[in-house]
Each structure stands twice: as structure tokens, then as C-alpha cells.
């Protein structure tokens, strides 16, 4: 298999994965503002998002939990820099 095809597949897969992760955190945050967030979708997103947010629980100011913001910024930073690094191999 050609290495450039493998790298393109890896970039494409990681792009989709990180976008899904980003939007799942974003939707989970929006759903957490409403009382009707206890649904199947809310439970599924909770199972996906909670382990990802756990390392960012240090980001609190009083009663405000900023861990979703820290996670979203980290995902965005990793995505941008990882893709720049991987595209150098093409």
C-alpha cells in the first residue's frame, strides 16, 4: 500500500473523529442547560463526553465548570497541529 494513501486515510479518519468529538461536546453542553437533557441522546453523549472532560476538571472558576471550553480548545489545537504535521509527509 502506498504510504501517501495511508496518510491521507489517517488524516481523513482523524478529521472526522475529532469533528464528531468536538460537536458531541458542544451538543452535550447545550443539552445540559435544559432540564429535558435526560434522554437517550443525552445519556449517550454523557457516556462519550465525561471521560474526555475528566482531565480538564481543573478548569473551574467558582461554580463555573470551564472544562468543556478547555477540551474544545485542546481538540482544536491538536487537530490543527496534527494535520499540519501529517500533511508534511504527503
C-alpha atoms as a PDB file:
ATOM      1  CA  UNK A   1       0.000   0.000   0.000  1.00  0.00           C
ATOM      2  CA  UNK A   2       1.264   3.433  -0.864  1.00  0.00           C
ATOM      3  CA  UNK A   3       2.312   5.498   2.161  1.00  0.00           C
ATOM      4  CA  UNK A   4       0.639   8.677   0.925  1.00  0.00           C
ATOM      5  CA  UNK A   5      -2.706   6.886   0.585  1.00  0.00           C
ATOM      6  CA  UNK A   6      -2.362   5.585   4.123  1.00  0.00           C
ATOM      7  CA  UNK A   7      -1.550   9.050   5.452  1.00  0.00           C
ATOM      8  CA  UNK A   8      -4.476  10.579   3.548  1.00  0.00           C
ATOM      9  CA  UNK A   9      -6.785   7.963   5.048  1.00  0.00           C
ATOM     10  CA  UNK A  10      -5.386   8.666   8.507  1.00  0.00           C
ATOM     11  CA  UNK A  11      -5.897  12.414   8.089  1.00  0.00           C
ATOM     12  CA  UNK A  12      -9.447  11.871   6.812  1.00  0.00           C
ATOM     13  CA  UNK A  13     -10.283   9.492   9.678  1.00  0.00           C
ATOM     14  CA  UNK A  14      -8.831  11.783  12.338  1.00  0.00           C
ATOM     15  CA  UNK A  15     -10.645  14.772  10.845  1.00  0.00           C
ATOM     16  CA  UNK A  16     -13.987  13.023  11.103  1.00  0.00           C
ATOM     17  CA  UNK A  17     -13.231  11.635  14.566  1.00  0.00           C
ATOM     18  CA  UNK A  18     -12.153  14.987  16.005  1.00  0.00           C
ATOM     19  CA  UNK A  19     -15.107  16.804  14.434  1.00  0.00           C
ATOM     20  CA  UNK A  20     -17.517  14.252  15.920  1.00  0.00           C
ATOM     21  CA  UNK A  21     -15.827  14.601  19.279  1.00  0.00           C
ATOM     22  CA  UNK A  22     -15.931  18.393  19.088  1.00  0.00           C
ATOM     23  CA  UNK A  23     -19.613  18.507  18.174  1.00  0.00           C
ATOM     24  CA  UNK A  24     -20.576  15.862  20.723  1.00  0.00           C
ATOM     25  CA  UNK A  25     -19.060  18.018  23.488  1.00  0.00           C
ATOM     26  CA  UNK A  26     -20.737  21.137  22.079  1.00  0.00           C
ATOM     27  CA  UNK A  27     -24.171  19.475  21.839  1.00  0.00           C
ATOM     28  CA  UNK A  28     -23.761  17.952  25.301  1.00  0.00           C
ATOM     29  CA  UNK A  29     -23.076  21.403  26.753  1.00  0.00           C
ATOM     30  CA  UNK A  30     -26.169  22.833  25.063  1.00  0.00           C
ATOM     31  CA  UNK A  31     -28.299  19.921  26.245  1.00  0.00           C
ATOM     32  CA  UNK A  32     -27.029  20.304  29.805  1.00  0.00           C
ATOM     33  CA  UNK A  33     -28.602  23.761  30.008  1.00  0.00           C
ATOM     34  CA  UNK A  34     -32.089  22.321  29.633  1.00  0.00           C
ATOM     35  CA  UNK A  35     -33.989  20.060  32.007  1.00  0.00           C
ATOM     36  CA  UNK A  36     -35.057  17.795  29.150  1.00  0.00           C
ATOM     37  CA  UNK A  37     -31.480  16.646  28.569  1.00  0.00           C
ATOM     38  CA  UNK A  38     -32.254  13.320  30.229  1.00  0.00           C
ATOM     39  CA  UNK A  39     -32.953  11.378  27.089  1.00  0.00           C
ATOM     40  CA  UNK A  40     -31.258   8.548  25.232  1.00  0.00           C
ATOM     41  CA  UNK A  41     -29.191  11.013  23.246  1.00  0.00           C
ATOM     42  CA  UNK A  42     -28.254  12.859  26.428  1.00  0.00           C
ATOM     43  CA  UNK A  43     -27.197   9.612  28.107  1.00  0.00           C
ATOM     44  CA  UNK A  44     -25.167   8.561  25.069  1.00  0.00           C
ATOM     45  CA  UNK A  45     -23.412  11.913  24.867  1.00  0.00           C
ATOM     46  CA  UNK A  46     -22.764  11.792  28.607  1.00  0.00           C
ATOM     47  CA  UNK A  47     -21.013   8.436  28.238  1.00  0.00           C
ATOM     48  CA  UNK A  48     -18.875   9.798  25.416  1.00  0.00           C
ATOM     49  CA  UNK A  49     -18.083  13.215  26.872  1.00  0.00           C
ATOM     50  CA  UNK A  50     -17.498  12.559  30.602  1.00  0.00           C
ATOM     51  CA  UNK A  51     -14.242  10.547  30.171  1.00  0.00           C
ATOM     52  CA  UNK A  52     -12.915  13.164  27.763  1.00  0.00           C
ATOM     53  CA  UNK A  53     -13.666  16.035  30.148  1.00  0.00           C
ATOM     54  CA  UNK A  54     -12.200  14.301  33.215  1.00  0.00           C
ATOM     55  CA  UNK A  55      -8.592  15.513  32.613  1.00  0.00           C
ATOM     56  CA  UNK A  56      -9.883  19.071  32.234  1.00  0.00           C
ATOM     57  CA  UNK A  57     -11.767  19.247  35.564  1.00  0.00           C
ATOM     58  CA  UNK A  58      -9.085  21.596  36.900  1.00  0.00           C
ATOM     59  CA  UNK A  59     -10.652  24.367  34.778  1.00  0.00           C
ATOM     60  CA  UNK A  60     -13.147  25.679  37.306  1.00  0.00           C
ATOM     61  CA  UNK A  61     -13.812  29.194  38.462  1.00  0.00           C
ATOM     62  CA  UNK A  62     -16.065  29.090  41.485  1.00  0.00           C
ATOM     63  CA  UNK A  63     -19.196  27.228  40.479  1.00  0.00           C
ATOM     64  CA  UNK A  64     -18.448  27.539  36.750  1.00  0.00           C
ATOM     65  CA  UNK A  65     -17.025  24.455  35.079  1.00  0.00           C
ATOM     66  CA  UNK A  66     -14.886  25.510  32.133  1.00  0.00           C
ATOM     67  CA  UNK A  67     -13.654  22.008  31.321  1.00  0.00           C
ATOM     68  CA  UNK A  68     -15.736  21.799  28.087  1.00  0.00           C
ATOM     69  CA  UNK A  69     -14.117  25.008  26.843  1.00  0.00           C
ATOM     70  CA  UNK A  70     -10.644  23.707  27.703  1.00  0.00           C
ATOM     71  CA  UNK A  71     -11.420  20.399  25.969  1.00  0.00           C
ATOM     72  CA  UNK A  72     -12.769  22.113  22.837  1.00  0.00           C
ATOM     73  CA  UNK A  73      -9.718  24.368  22.624  1.00  0.00           C
ATOM     74  CA  UNK A  74      -7.400  21.387  23.080  1.00  0.00           C
ATOM     75  CA  UNK A  75      -9.180  19.346  20.408  1.00  0.00           C
ATOM     76  CA  UNK A  76      -8.994  22.284  18.023  1.00  0.00           C
ATOM     77  CA  UNK A  77      -5.280  22.844  18.780  1.00  0.00           C
ATOM     78  CA  UNK A  78      -4.416  19.158  18.371  1.00  0.00           C
ATOM     79  CA  UNK A  79      -6.398  18.881  15.154  1.00  0.00           C
ATOM     80  CA  UNK A  80      -4.728  21.883  13.547  1.00  0.00           C
ATOM     81  CA  UNK A  81      -1.185  20.960  14.539  1.00  0.00           C
ATOM     82  CA  UNK A  82      -1.549  17.239  13.931  1.00  0.00           C
ATOM     83  CA  UNK A  83      -2.882  17.797  10.430  1.00  0.00           C
ATOM     84  CA  UNK A  84      -0.054  20.192   9.619  1.00  0.00           C
ATOM     85  CA  UNK A  85       2.412  17.589  10.824  1.00  0.00           C
ATOM     86  CA  UNK A  86       0.784  14.732   8.891  1.00  0.00           C
ATOM     87  CA  UNK A  87       0.412  16.704   5.664  1.00  0.00           C
ATOM     88  CA  UNK A  88       4.172  17.240   5.577  1.00  0.00           C
ATOM     89  CA  UNK A  89       4.512  13.552   4.740  1.00  0.00           C
ATOM     90  CA  UNK A  90       2.470  13.855   1.529  1.00  0.00           C
END
